[in-house]
């Protein structure tokens, strides 16, 4: 999940920069100043091309798909003003992205037959919803156990933090999965 971790680090880095220096300055540093003052969805859509460019490997496609899914979830998560992001909202954006990235990786594994799904579409949809909730809980638990204020991280520490959260989330998901399988 290298591309997804890199994209997550880029996203957290941008959000921290925007929180510290203002959105206009953060966008200017990426040569995206024309997006300043635009709705959050447009800003994130422009960031998608910078953080996870189109094309490339399957892993890069997974990162981009997760980023697009995150954009779609912003309003539902109550995140509508990029100029006023709170630390909790920055964590929520990261959590949404990590959840979508892990889910997309698992769905890719389903597509390559490493994991099988039920053939009944309704059952498969129910399993997919349960899987998303399961992944989100694992990511949330990993973030909470990290006990780190994302905004306080130095830019060079962001990638290490993202890697640690991904590893912890996968360990939590594995433990939860083994618990479910034992029932």
C-alpha atoms as a PDB file:
ATOM      1  CA  UNK A   1       0.000   0.000   0.000  1.00  0.00           C
ATOM      2  CA  UNK A   2       2.921   2.303  -0.714  1.00  0.00           C
ATOM      3  CA  UNK A   3       1.051   4.709  -2.981  1.00  0.00           C
ATOM      4  CA  UNK A   4      -1.855   4.943  -0.533  1.00  0.00           C
ATOM      5  CA  UNK A   5       0.471   5.640   2.374  1.00  0.00           C
ATOM      6  CA  UNK A   6       2.291   8.277   0.328  1.00  0.00           C
ATOM      7  CA  UNK A   7      -1.000   9.901  -0.674  1.00  0.00           C
ATOM      8  CA  UNK A   8      -2.199   9.838   2.950  1.00  0.00           C
ATOM      9  CA  UNK A   9       1.024  11.525   4.049  1.00  0.00           C
ATOM     10  CA  UNK A  10       0.604  14.130   1.293  1.00  0.00           C
ATOM     11  CA  UNK A  11      -2.980  14.762   2.372  1.00  0.00           C
ATOM     12  CA  UNK A  12      -2.070  15.126   6.050  1.00  0.00           C
ATOM     13  CA  UNK A  13       0.865  17.346   5.105  1.00  0.00           C
ATOM     14  CA  UNK A  14      -1.374  19.614   3.047  1.00  0.00           C
ATOM     15  CA  UNK A  15      -4.063  19.792   5.752  1.00  0.00           C
ATOM     16  CA  UNK A  16      -1.475  20.602   8.421  1.00  0.00           C
ATOM     17  CA  UNK A  17       0.070  23.276   6.176  1.00  0.00           C
ATOM     18  CA  UNK A  18      -3.390  24.746   5.513  1.00  0.00           C
ATOM     19  CA  UNK A  19      -4.196  24.747   9.219  1.00  0.00           C
ATOM     20  CA  UNK A  20      -0.896  26.394  10.153  1.00  0.00           C
ATOM     21  CA  UNK A  21      -0.342  28.808   7.252  1.00  0.00           C
ATOM     22  CA  UNK A  22      -3.810  29.174   5.734  1.00  0.00           C
ATOM     23  CA  UNK A  23      -5.377  27.436   2.764  1.00  0.00           C
ATOM     24  CA  UNK A  24      -4.241  30.028   0.217  1.00  0.00           C
ATOM     25  CA  UNK A  25      -0.580  29.623   1.249  1.00  0.00           C
ATOM     26  CA  UNK A  26      -0.839  25.816   1.328  1.00  0.00           C
ATOM     27  CA  UNK A  27      -2.337  25.842  -2.172  1.00  0.00           C
ATOM     28  CA  UNK A  28       0.252  28.347  -3.380  1.00  0.00           C
ATOM     29  CA  UNK A  29       3.040  26.032  -2.206  1.00  0.00           C
ATOM     30  CA  UNK A  30       1.624  23.400  -4.585  1.00  0.00           C
ATOM     31  CA  UNK A  31       1.077  25.886  -7.423  1.00  0.00           C
ATOM     32  CA  UNK A  32      -2.694  25.479  -6.932  1.00  0.00           C
ATOM     33  CA  UNK A  33      -3.490  28.982  -5.679  1.00  0.00           C
ATOM     34  CA  UNK A  34      -6.311  29.311  -8.234  1.00  0.00           C
ATOM     35  CA  UNK A  35      -8.298  26.899  -6.025  1.00  0.00           C
ATOM     36  CA  UNK A  36      -8.251  29.280  -3.044  1.00  0.00           C
ATOM     37  CA  UNK A  37     -11.757  30.346  -2.069  1.00  0.00           C
ATOM     38  CA  UNK A  38     -13.358  27.472  -3.993  1.00  0.00           C
ATOM     39  CA  UNK A  39     -15.682  24.915  -2.348  1.00  0.00           C
ATOM     40  CA  UNK A  40     -13.903  22.161  -0.437  1.00  0.00           C
ATOM     41  CA  UNK A  41     -14.835  19.500  -3.008  1.00  0.00           C
ATOM     42  CA  UNK A  42     -13.184  21.526  -5.785  1.00  0.00           C
ATOM     43  CA  UNK A  43     -10.065  22.078  -3.680  1.00  0.00           C
ATOM     44  CA  UNK A  44      -9.805  18.361  -2.954  1.00  0.00           C
ATOM     45  CA  UNK A  45     -10.452  17.481  -6.602  1.00  0.00           C
ATOM     46  CA  UNK A  46      -7.544  19.730  -7.568  1.00  0.00           C
ATOM     47  CA  UNK A  47      -5.415  18.193  -4.841  1.00  0.00           C
ATOM     48  CA  UNK A  48      -6.161  14.725  -6.195  1.00  0.00           C
ATOM     49  CA  UNK A  49      -4.038  15.423  -9.261  1.00  0.00           C
ATOM     50  CA  UNK A  50      -1.167  16.560  -7.031  1.00  0.00           C
ATOM     51  CA  UNK A  51      -1.422  13.991  -4.223  1.00  0.00           C
ATOM     52  CA  UNK A  52      -2.324  10.932  -6.296  1.00  0.00           C
ATOM     53  CA  UNK A  53      -1.941  11.572 -10.020  1.00  0.00           C
ATOM     54  CA  UNK A  54      -4.047   9.686 -12.540  1.00  0.00           C
ATOM     55  CA  UNK A  55      -2.578   6.618 -14.220  1.00  0.00           C
ATOM     56  CA  UNK A  56       0.131   4.294 -13.066  1.00  0.00           C
ATOM     57  CA  UNK A  57       0.050   1.044 -11.151  1.00  0.00           C
ATOM     58  CA  UNK A  58      -2.902  -0.668  -9.493  1.00  0.00           C
ATOM     59  CA  UNK A  59      -1.633   0.602  -6.142  1.00  0.00           C
ATOM     60  CA  UNK A  60      -1.663   4.180  -7.480  1.00  0.00           C
ATOM     61  CA  UNK A  61      -5.185   3.623  -8.815  1.00  0.00           C
ATOM     62  CA  UNK A  62      -6.279   2.395  -5.390  1.00  0.00           C
ATOM     63  CA  UNK A  63      -4.833   5.559  -3.807  1.00  0.00           C
ATOM     64  CA  UNK A  64      -6.667   7.782  -6.288  1.00  0.00           C
ATOM     65  CA  UNK A  65      -9.947   5.897  -5.914  1.00  0.00           C
ATOM     66  CA  UNK A  66      -9.706   6.224  -2.121  1.00  0.00           C
ATOM     67  CA  UNK A  67      -9.071   9.962  -2.496  1.00  0.00           C
ATOM     68  CA  UNK A  68     -12.135  10.380  -4.741  1.00  0.00           C
ATOM     69  CA  UNK A  69     -14.277   8.383  -2.291  1.00  0.00           C
ATOM     70  CA  UNK A  70     -13.022  10.621   0.519  1.00  0.00           C
ATOM     71  CA  UNK A  71     -14.084  13.730  -1.419  1.00  0.00           C
ATOM     72  CA  UNK A  72     -17.561  12.229  -1.809  1.00  0.00           C
ATOM     73  CA  UNK A  73     -17.793  11.665   1.969  1.00  0.00           C
ATOM     74  CA  UNK A  74     -16.712  15.135   3.127  1.00  0.00           C
ATOM     75  CA  UNK A  75     -20.178  16.707   3.275  1.00  0.00           C
ATOM     76  CA  UNK A  76     -21.682  13.669   4.982  1.00  0.00           C
ATOM     77  CA  UNK A  77     -18.916  13.936   7.603  1.00  0.00           C
ATOM     78  CA  UNK A  78     -19.855  17.601   8.134  1.00  0.00           C
ATOM     79  CA  UNK A  79     -16.634  18.893   6.592  1.00  0.00           C
ATOM     80  CA  UNK A  80     -17.610  21.754   4.328  1.00  0.00           C
ATOM     81  CA  UNK A  81     -15.199  24.598   5.101  1.00  0.00           C
ATOM     82  CA  UNK A  82     -11.560  23.995   4.295  1.00  0.00           C
ATOM     83  CA  UNK A  83     -10.585  27.364   5.762  1.00  0.00           C
ATOM     84  CA  UNK A  84     -11.845  26.364   9.206  1.00  0.00           C
ATOM     85  CA  UNK A  85     -10.716  22.753   9.585  1.00  0.00           C
ATOM     86  CA  UNK A  86     -10.444  21.655  13.194  1.00  0.00           C
ATOM     87  CA  UNK A  87      -7.932  19.046  14.416  1.00  0.00           C
ATOM     88  CA  UNK A  88     -10.819  16.557  14.729  1.00  0.00           C
ATOM     89  CA  UNK A  89     -11.871  17.222  11.131  1.00  0.00           C
ATOM     90  CA  UNK A  90      -8.304  16.723   9.894  1.00  0.00           C
ATOM     91  CA  UNK A  91      -8.259  13.385  11.704  1.00  0.00           C
ATOM     92  CA  UNK A  92     -11.654  12.515  10.200  1.00  0.00           C
ATOM     93  CA  UNK A  93     -10.401  13.266   6.662  1.00  0.00           C
ATOM     94  CA  UNK A  94      -7.376  11.040   7.282  1.00  0.00           C
ATOM     95  CA  UNK A  95      -9.587   8.318   8.756  1.00  0.00           C
ATOM     96  CA  UNK A  96     -11.935   8.450   5.758  1.00  0.00           C
ATOM     97  CA  UNK A  97      -9.028   8.241   3.334  1.00  0.00           C
ATOM     98  CA  UNK A  98      -7.291   5.362   5.144  1.00  0.00           C
ATOM     99  CA  UNK A  99     -10.568   3.450   5.411  1.00  0.00           C
ATOM    100  CA  UNK A 100     -11.260   3.827   1.688  1.00  0.00           C
ATOM    101  CA  UNK A 101      -7.677   2.890   0.768  1.00  0.00           C
ATOM    102  CA  UNK A 102      -7.724  -0.292   2.854  1.00  0.00           C
ATOM    103  CA  UNK A 103     -11.197  -1.186   1.576  1.00  0.00           C
ATOM    104  CA  UNK A 104     -10.091  -0.652  -2.046  1.00  0.00           C
ATOM    105  CA  UNK A 105      -7.039  -2.855  -1.468  1.00  0.00           C
ATOM    106  CA  UNK A 106      -9.256  -5.630  -0.099  1.00  0.00           C
ATOM    107  CA  UNK A 107     -11.708  -5.214  -2.994  1.00  0.00           C
ATOM    108  CA  UNK A 108      -8.775  -5.531  -5.383  1.00  0.00           C
ATOM    109  CA  UNK A 109      -7.821  -8.748  -3.624  1.00  0.00           C
ATOM    110  CA  UNK A 110     -11.408  -9.942  -4.102  1.00  0.00           C
ATOM    111  CA  UNK A 111     -11.124  -9.109  -7.814  1.00  0.00           C
ATOM    112  CA  UNK A 112      -7.929 -11.101  -8.126  1.00  0.00           C
ATOM    113  CA  UNK A 113      -9.588 -13.993  -6.283  1.00  0.00           C
ATOM    114  CA  UNK A 114      -7.358 -13.823  -3.214  1.00  0.00           C
ATOM    115  CA  UNK A 115     -10.594 -13.318  -1.254  1.00  0.00           C
ATOM    116  CA  UNK A 116     -14.004 -14.613  -2.344  1.00  0.00           C
ATOM    117  CA  UNK A 117     -17.400 -12.933  -1.946  1.00  0.00           C
ATOM    118  CA  UNK A 118     -20.898 -14.433  -1.880  1.00  0.00           C
ATOM    119  CA  UNK A 119     -22.494 -14.798  -5.309  1.00  0.00           C
ATOM    120  CA  UNK A 120     -25.853 -13.321  -4.188  1.00  0.00           C
ATOM    121  CA  UNK A 121     -25.733  -9.534  -4.888  1.00  0.00           C
ATOM    122  CA  UNK A 122     -27.695  -8.566  -1.766  1.00  0.00           C
ATOM    123  CA  UNK A 123     -25.514 -10.695   0.462  1.00  0.00           C
ATOM    124  CA  UNK A 124     -22.391  -9.324  -1.234  1.00  0.00           C
ATOM    125  CA  UNK A 125     -23.625  -5.727  -0.681  1.00  0.00           C
ATOM    126  CA  UNK A 126     -24.305  -6.486   2.990  1.00  0.00           C
ATOM    127  CA  UNK A 127     -20.835  -8.016   3.369  1.00  0.00           C
ATOM    128  CA  UNK A 128     -19.304  -4.964   1.672  1.00  0.00           C
ATOM    129  CA  UNK A 129     -21.076  -2.611   4.117  1.00  0.00           C
ATOM    130  CA  UNK A 130     -19.969  -4.718   7.076  1.00  0.00           C
ATOM    131  CA  UNK A 131     -16.426  -4.751   5.718  1.00  0.00           C
ATOM    132  CA  UNK A 132     -16.387  -0.942   5.433  1.00  0.00           C
ATOM    133  CA  UNK A 133     -17.635  -0.584   9.034  1.00  0.00           C
ATOM    134  CA  UNK A 134     -15.090  -3.163  10.180  1.00  0.00           C
ATOM    135  CA  UNK A 135     -12.216  -1.323   8.436  1.00  0.00           C
ATOM    136  CA  UNK A 136     -13.371   2.059   9.743  1.00  0.00           C
ATOM    137  CA  UNK A 137     -13.393   0.722  13.325  1.00  0.00           C
ATOM    138  CA  UNK A 138      -9.895  -0.699  12.836  1.00  0.00           C
ATOM    139  CA  UNK A 139      -8.564   2.594  11.451  1.00  0.00           C
ATOM    140  CA  UNK A 140     -10.279   4.569  14.210  1.00  0.00           C
ATOM    141  CA  UNK A 141      -8.858   2.265  16.887  1.00  0.00           C
ATOM    142  CA  UNK A 142      -5.373   2.575  15.358  1.00  0.00           C
ATOM    143  CA  UNK A 143      -5.617   6.377  15.327  1.00  0.00           C
ATOM    144  CA  UNK A 144      -6.862   6.488  18.900  1.00  0.00           C
ATOM    145  CA  UNK A 145      -4.152   4.119  20.123  1.00  0.00           C
ATOM    146  CA  UNK A 146      -1.488   6.254  18.375  1.00  0.00           C
ATOM    147  CA  UNK A 147      -2.545   9.090  20.693  1.00  0.00           C
ATOM    148  CA  UNK A 148      -0.949  11.707  18.419  1.00  0.00           C
ATOM    149  CA  UNK A 149      -2.226  15.128  17.435  1.00  0.00           C
ATOM    150  CA  UNK A 150      -1.866  14.960  13.654  1.00  0.00           C
ATOM    151  CA  UNK A 151      -1.424  18.724  13.484  1.00  0.00           C
ATOM    152  CA  UNK A 152       1.593  18.626  15.790  1.00  0.00           C
ATOM    153  CA  UNK A 153       3.577  16.332  13.498  1.00  0.00           C
ATOM    154  CA  UNK A 154       6.587  17.756  11.715  1.00  0.00           C
ATOM    155  CA  UNK A 155       6.399  17.178   7.931  1.00  0.00           C
ATOM    156  CA  UNK A 156       9.156  14.558   8.078  1.00  0.00           C
ATOM    157  CA  UNK A 157       7.239  12.639  10.773  1.00  0.00           C
ATOM    158  CA  UNK A 158       3.964  12.393   8.819  1.00  0.00           C
ATOM    159  CA  UNK A 159       4.990   9.416   6.659  1.00  0.00           C
ATOM    160  CA  UNK A 160       6.149   7.459   9.716  1.00  0.00           C
ATOM    161  CA  UNK A 161       2.867   8.233  11.468  1.00  0.00           C
ATOM    162  CA  UNK A 162       0.840   7.145   8.416  1.00  0.00           C
ATOM    163  CA  UNK A 163       2.837   3.915   8.115  1.00  0.00           C
ATOM    164  CA  UNK A 164       2.349   3.196  11.838  1.00  0.00           C
ATOM    165  CA  UNK A 165      -1.416   3.783  11.596  1.00  0.00           C
ATOM    166  CA  UNK A 166      -1.724   1.531   8.540  1.00  0.00           C
ATOM    167  CA  UNK A 167       0.272  -1.232  10.249  1.00  0.00           C
ATOM    168  CA  UNK A 168      -1.759  -0.886  13.446  1.00  0.00           C
ATOM    169  CA  UNK A 169      -5.034  -0.870  11.510  1.00  0.00           C
ATOM    170  CA  UNK A 170      -4.087  -4.061   9.675  1.00  0.00           C
ATOM    171  CA  UNK A 171      -3.076  -5.716  12.960  1.00  0.00           C
ATOM    172  CA  UNK A 172      -6.367  -4.654  14.577  1.00  0.00           C
ATOM    173  CA  UNK A 173      -8.333  -5.861  11.539  1.00  0.00           C
ATOM    174  CA  UNK A 174      -6.497  -9.187  11.645  1.00  0.00           C
ATOM    175  CA  UNK A 175      -7.237  -9.610  15.352  1.00  0.00           C
ATOM    176  CA  UNK A 176     -10.889  -8.617  14.865  1.00  0.00           C
ATOM    177  CA  UNK A 177     -11.173 -10.957  11.879  1.00  0.00           C
ATOM    178  CA  UNK A 178      -9.711 -13.861  13.820  1.00  0.00           C
ATOM    179  CA  UNK A 179     -12.177 -13.099  16.633  1.00  0.00           C
ATOM    180  CA  UNK A 180     -15.083 -13.119  14.188  1.00  0.00           C
ATOM    181  CA  UNK A 181     -13.882 -16.361  12.583  1.00  0.00           C
ATOM    182  CA  UNK A 182     -13.700 -18.045  15.982  1.00  0.00           C
ATOM    183  CA  UNK A 183     -17.386 -17.346  16.705  1.00  0.00           C
END
